């Protein structure tokens, strides 16, 4: 009797195909993450603008609030990070 345990090849293991709903959910999560990155980039650009400090600060804060809302949407979509589409 041998104590060797044969390992199966990963290429033989089939991962279940994603349903159309899961694919759409993954695409939406990816789009939200891209939007968060874009809003952060825009915030950096706004901060560099000349002009009244209060106006620039308020604009940057609104953009940061938008990024936070997008992060909350992503969190809800991924069930608090429990479901990760990629």
Protein backbone atom coordinates (compact mmCIF):
# COMPACT_ATOMS: atom_id res chain seq x y z
CA UNK A 1 0.00 0.00 0.00
CA UNK A 2 1.28 3.44 -0.89
CA UNK A 3 0.95 6.71 0.96
CA UNK A 4 1.05 8.68 -2.29
CA UNK A 5 -2.05 10.69 -3.10
CA UNK A 6 -2.50 11.30 -6.81
CA UNK A 7 -3.30 14.90 -7.70
CA UNK A 8 -5.62 15.59 -10.55
CA UNK A 9 -4.55 17.99 -13.23
CA UNK A 10 -6.11 21.44 -13.09
CA UNK A 11 -6.73 21.25 -16.80
CA UNK A 12 -9.14 18.38 -16.24
CA UNK A 13 -11.17 20.24 -13.65
CA UNK A 14 -14.11 22.09 -15.13
CA UNK A 15 -15.13 25.39 -13.62
CA UNK A 16 -18.84 25.95 -13.85
CA UNK A 17 -19.80 28.31 -16.64
CA UNK A 18 -20.95 31.70 -15.49
CA UNK A 19 -24.59 32.46 -16.01
CA UNK A 20 -25.55 35.51 -18.07
CA UNK A 21 -26.61 37.24 -14.84
CA UNK A 22 -23.20 36.57 -13.26
CA UNK A 23 -21.43 37.83 -16.36
CA UNK A 24 -23.52 41.01 -16.32
CA UNK A 25 -22.86 41.46 -12.60
CA UNK A 26 -19.11 41.05 -13.15
CA UNK A 27 -19.18 43.55 -16.03
CA UNK A 28 -21.10 46.03 -13.88
CA UNK A 29 -18.64 45.64 -10.99
CA UNK A 30 -15.73 46.24 -13.38
CA UNK A 31 -17.45 49.34 -14.80
CA UNK A 32 -18.05 50.71 -11.30
CA UNK A 33 -14.40 50.20 -10.39
CA UNK A 34 -13.34 52.04 -13.55
CA UNK A 35 -15.70 54.89 -12.67
CA UNK A 36 -14.23 55.13 -9.16
CA UNK A 37 -10.74 55.40 -10.64
CA UNK A 38 -11.91 58.04 -13.12
CA UNK A 39 -13.60 60.13 -10.41
CA UNK A 40 -10.41 60.03 -8.34
CA UNK A 41 -8.40 61.21 -11.35
CA UNK A 42 -10.88 64.04 -11.89
CA UNK A 43 -10.61 65.02 -8.23
CA UNK A 44 -6.84 65.34 -8.58
CA UNK A 45 -7.33 67.55 -11.63
CA UNK A 46 -9.87 69.75 -9.84
CA UNK A 47 -7.53 70.29 -6.89
CA UNK A 48 -4.90 71.64 -9.29
CA UNK A 49 -7.29 74.24 -10.76
CA UNK A 50 -6.69 77.90 -10.05
CA UNK A 51 -9.54 79.88 -8.60
CA UNK A 52 -11.36 80.49 -5.37
CA UNK A 53 -10.20 77.95 -2.81
CA UNK A 54 -13.69 77.35 -1.45
CA UNK A 55 -15.10 76.59 -4.89
CA UNK A 56 -12.28 74.15 -5.67
CA UNK A 57 -12.64 72.52 -2.27
CA UNK A 58 -16.41 72.09 -2.67
CA UNK A 59 -16.01 70.63 -6.15
CA UNK A 60 -13.37 68.18 -4.92
CA UNK A 61 -15.60 67.20 -1.99
CA UNK A 62 -18.55 66.52 -4.30
CA UNK A 63 -16.35 64.30 -6.44
CA UNK A 64 -15.08 62.45 -3.38
CA UNK A 65 -18.69 61.96 -2.27
CA UNK A 66 -19.47 60.52 -5.71
CA UNK A 67 -16.53 58.13 -5.40
CA UNK A 68 -17.79 57.03 -1.98
CA UNK A 69 -21.26 56.40 -3.40
CA UNK A 70 -19.76 54.32 -6.22
CA UNK A 71 -17.71 52.35 -3.68
CA UNK A 72 -20.89 51.66 -1.69
CA UNK A 73 -22.62 50.47 -4.86
CA UNK A 74 -19.70 48.16 -5.64
CA UNK A 75 -19.73 46.85 -2.08
CA UNK A 76 -23.46 46.11 -2.31
CA UNK A 77 -23.07 44.47 -5.71
CA UNK A 78 -20.27 42.21 -4.49
CA UNK A 79 -22.10 41.45 -1.24
CA UNK A 80 -19.49 43.11 0.93
CA UNK A 81 -16.64 41.57 -1.01
CA UNK A 82 -17.93 38.02 -0.51
CA UNK A 83 -18.64 37.66 -4.23
CA UNK A 84 -15.66 38.65 -6.31
CA UNK A 85 -16.26 38.49 -10.05
CA UNK A 86 -12.60 38.39 -11.07
